[in-house]
Amino acid sequence: MRVIAARFVEAEAASRAIARMKSRLDLGPGDVGIAPLGGADQPLEAKVLLAGRFQESRLVEIRRIIQGDGGEIVADLDEGLTRPRMRSMKSAIPTLTRATLLTS
């Protein structure tokens, strides 16, 4: 799976893109959504972020829909890179030494 994010100037355009995706693709309820876009590094005219997770076999179609509705893709990465890394059990459990027991 891939995570794609795109910025849009108009919320209506982002909503239109989502409607097209849902009508053409088998997307789950939480696979794609929109949110207000903010940040000092964003263009002033960009107002909305569309983000979703998509099957790699459908990426060409997803890109066409986004760009056809006026969106600009700003992120495209493997879904595995978006998950938090698990710490090893050894580092998650504090090591008790004689010194820590004496000072506790």
C-alpha atoms as a PDB file:
ATOM      1  CA  MET A   1       0.000   0.000   0.000  1.00  0.00           C
ATOM      2  CA  ARG A   2       1.065   3.604  -0.626  1.00  0.00           C
ATOM      3  CA  VAL A   3       0.218   6.746   1.286  1.00  0.00           C
ATOM      4  CA  ILE A   4      -0.494   9.695  -1.000  1.00  0.00           C
ATOM      5  CA  ALA A   5      -1.081  13.290   0.124  1.00  0.00           C
ATOM      6  CA  ALA A   6      -2.108  16.172  -2.127  1.00  0.00           C
ATOM      7  CA  ARG A   7      -2.876  19.814  -1.493  1.00  0.00           C
ATOM      8  CA  PHE A   8      -5.840  21.575  -3.060  1.00  0.00           C
ATOM      9  CA  VAL A   9      -6.804  25.235  -3.290  1.00  0.00           C
ATOM     10  CA  GLU A  10     -10.523  24.472  -2.900  1.00  0.00           C
ATOM     11  CA  ALA A  11     -12.206  22.042  -0.506  1.00  0.00           C
ATOM     12  CA  GLU A  12     -14.853  21.332  -3.163  1.00  0.00           C
ATOM     13  CA  ALA A  13     -12.167  20.086  -5.570  1.00  0.00           C
ATOM     14  CA  ALA A  14     -10.722  17.754  -2.915  1.00  0.00           C
ATOM     15  CA  SER A  15     -14.213  16.456  -2.120  1.00  0.00           C
ATOM     16  CA  ARG A  16     -14.843  15.871  -5.823  1.00  0.00           C
ATOM     17  CA  ALA A  17     -11.597  13.878  -6.056  1.00  0.00           C
ATOM     18  CA  ILE A  18     -12.625  11.718  -3.100  1.00  0.00           C
ATOM     19  CA  ALA A  19     -16.064  11.090  -4.623  1.00  0.00           C
ATOM     20  CA  ARG A  20     -14.426   9.933  -7.873  1.00  0.00           C
ATOM     21  CA  MET A  21     -12.003   7.687  -6.017  1.00  0.00           C
ATOM     22  CA  LYS A  22     -14.800   6.077  -4.008  1.00  0.00           C
ATOM     23  CA  SER A  23     -16.936   5.511  -7.113  1.00  0.00           C
ATOM     24  CA  ARG A  24     -14.090   3.882  -9.074  1.00  0.00           C
ATOM     25  CA  LEU A  25     -12.059   2.096  -6.407  1.00  0.00           C
ATOM     26  CA  ASP A  26     -12.725  -0.300  -3.560  1.00  0.00           C
ATOM     27  CA  LEU A  27     -11.796   1.994  -0.656  1.00  0.00           C
ATOM     28  CA  GLY A  28     -12.498   1.344   2.997  1.00  0.00           C
ATOM     29  CA  PRO A  29     -14.217   3.991   5.159  1.00  0.00           C
ATOM     30  CA  GLY A  30     -10.940   5.280   6.601  1.00  0.00           C
ATOM     31  CA  ASP A  31      -8.752   4.949   3.509  1.00  0.00           C
ATOM     32  CA  VAL A  32      -9.024   8.560   2.285  1.00  0.00           C
ATOM     33  CA  GLY A  33     -10.009  11.908   3.781  1.00  0.00           C
ATOM     34  CA  ILE A  34      -9.486  15.656   3.732  1.00  0.00           C
ATOM     35  CA  ALA A  35      -8.411  18.155   6.373  1.00  0.00           C
ATOM     36  CA  PRO A  36      -7.535  21.851   6.532  1.00  0.00           C
ATOM     37  CA  LEU A  37      -3.969  22.544   5.464  1.00  0.00           C
ATOM     38  CA  GLY A  38      -1.783  24.808   7.528  1.00  0.00           C
ATOM     39  CA  GLY A  39       1.851  25.591   7.982  1.00  0.00           C
ATOM     40  CA  ALA A  40       4.277  28.386   7.310  1.00  0.00           C
ATOM     41  CA  ASP A  41       5.906  26.449   4.468  1.00  0.00           C
ATOM     42  CA  GLN A  42       2.656  25.982   2.514  1.00  0.00           C
ATOM     43  CA  PRO A  43       1.550  28.255  -0.333  1.00  0.00           C
ATOM     44  CA  LEU A  44      -1.065  30.771   0.831  1.00  0.00           C
ATOM     45  CA  GLU A  45      -3.589  29.591  -1.743  1.00  0.00           C
ATOM     46  CA  ALA A  46      -3.414  25.917  -0.642  1.00  0.00           C
ATOM     47  CA  LYS A  47      -6.312  25.337   1.750  1.00  0.00           C
ATOM     48  CA  VAL A  48      -6.993  21.584   1.968  1.00  0.00           C
ATOM     49  CA  LEU A  49      -4.979  18.371   2.240  1.00  0.00           C
ATOM     50  CA  LEU A  50      -6.295  15.114   0.819  1.00  0.00           C
ATOM     51  CA  ALA A  51      -4.540  12.026   2.178  1.00  0.00           C
ATOM     52  CA  GLY A  52      -5.147   8.339   1.760  1.00  0.00           C
ATOM     53  CA  ARG A  53      -3.769   4.840   1.513  1.00  0.00           C
ATOM     54  CA  PHE A  54      -4.075   3.117  -1.825  1.00  0.00           C
ATOM     55  CA  GLN A  55      -3.141  -0.135  -3.530  1.00  0.00           C
ATOM     56  CA  GLU A  56      -0.038   0.224  -5.664  1.00  0.00           C
ATOM     57  CA  SER A  57      -1.865  -1.215  -8.674  1.00  0.00           C
ATOM     58  CA  ARG A  58      -4.248   1.807  -8.631  1.00  0.00           C
ATOM     59  CA  LEU A  59      -1.686   4.614  -8.272  1.00  0.00           C
ATOM     60  CA  VAL A  60      -1.820   5.767 -11.892  1.00  0.00           C
ATOM     61  CA  GLU A  61      -5.585   6.208 -11.610  1.00  0.00           C
ATOM     62  CA  ILE A  62      -5.288   7.923  -8.199  1.00  0.00           C
ATOM     63  CA  ARG A  63      -2.741  10.407  -9.567  1.00  0.00           C
ATOM     64  CA  ARG A  64      -4.959  11.164 -12.579  1.00  0.00           C
ATOM     65  CA  ILE A  65      -7.959  11.845 -10.348  1.00  0.00           C
ATOM     66  CA  ILE A  66      -5.988  14.117  -8.007  1.00  0.00           C
ATOM     67  CA  GLN A  67      -4.349  16.093 -10.797  1.00  0.00           C
ATOM     68  CA  GLY A  68      -7.585  16.198 -12.831  1.00  0.00           C
ATOM     69  CA  ASP A  69      -9.313  17.934  -9.933  1.00  0.00           C
ATOM     70  CA  GLY A  70      -6.502  20.456  -9.490  1.00  0.00           C
ATOM     71  CA  GLY A  71      -4.543  18.764  -6.705  1.00  0.00           C
ATOM     72  CA  GLU A  72      -0.779  18.753  -6.314  1.00  0.00           C
ATOM     73  CA  ILE A  73       0.779  15.574  -4.886  1.00  0.00           C
ATOM     74  CA  VAL A  74       3.087  16.500  -2.018  1.00  0.00           C
ATOM     75  CA  ALA A  75       3.831  13.044  -0.568  1.00  0.00           C
ATOM     76  CA  ASP A  76       3.979   9.510  -1.938  1.00  0.00           C
ATOM     77  CA  LEU A  77       5.483   6.866   0.325  1.00  0.00           C
ATOM     78  CA  ASP A  78       5.283   3.268   1.376  1.00  0.00           C
ATOM     79  CA  GLU A  79       2.682   2.793   4.113  1.00  0.00           C
ATOM     80  CA  GLY A  80       5.246   0.926   6.222  1.00  0.00           C
ATOM     81  CA  LEU A  81       7.210   4.158   6.650  1.00  0.00           C
ATOM     82  CA  THR A  82       4.216   5.847   8.296  1.00  0.00           C
ATOM     83  CA  ARG A  83       3.927   3.444  11.230  1.00  0.00           C
ATOM     84  CA  PRO A  84       5.751   3.977  14.503  1.00  0.00           C
ATOM     85  CA  ARG A  85       8.790   1.822  15.051  1.00  0.00           C
ATOM     86  CA  MET A  86       8.567  -0.724  17.838  1.00  0.00           C
ATOM     87  CA  ARG A  87      11.219  -0.423  20.484  1.00  0.00           C
ATOM     88  CA  SER A  88      12.831  -3.674  21.434  1.00  0.00           C
ATOM     89  CA  MET A  89      11.631  -5.202  24.682  1.00  0.00           C
ATOM     90  CA  LYS A  90      15.113  -4.815  26.144  1.00  0.00           C
ATOM     91  CA  SER A  91      15.088  -1.029  25.670  1.00  0.00           C
ATOM     92  CA  ALA A  92      11.450  -0.717  26.789  1.00  0.00           C
ATOM     93  CA  ILE A  93      12.122  -2.272  30.211  1.00  0.00           C
ATOM     94  CA  PRO A  94      14.376  -0.243  32.492  1.00  0.00           C
ATOM     95  CA  THR A  95      17.416  -2.080  33.733  1.00  0.00           C
ATOM     96  CA  LEU A  96      17.500  -2.352  37.517  1.00  0.00           C
ATOM     97  CA  THR A  97      20.961  -2.216  38.965  1.00  0.00           C
ATOM     98  CA  ARG A  98      22.105  -2.347  42.569  1.00  0.00           C
ATOM     99  CA  ALA A  99      22.678   1.434  42.415  1.00  0.00           C
ATOM    100  CA  THR A 100      19.102   2.198  41.262  1.00  0.00           C
ATOM    101  CA  LEU A 101      17.660  -0.084  43.923  1.00  0.00           C
ATOM    102  CA  LEU A 102      19.667   1.627  46.644  1.00  0.00           C
ATOM    103  CA  THR A 103      18.602   5.117  45.527  1.00  0.00           C
ATOM    104  CA  SER A 104      14.906   4.257  45.090  1.00  0.00           C
END
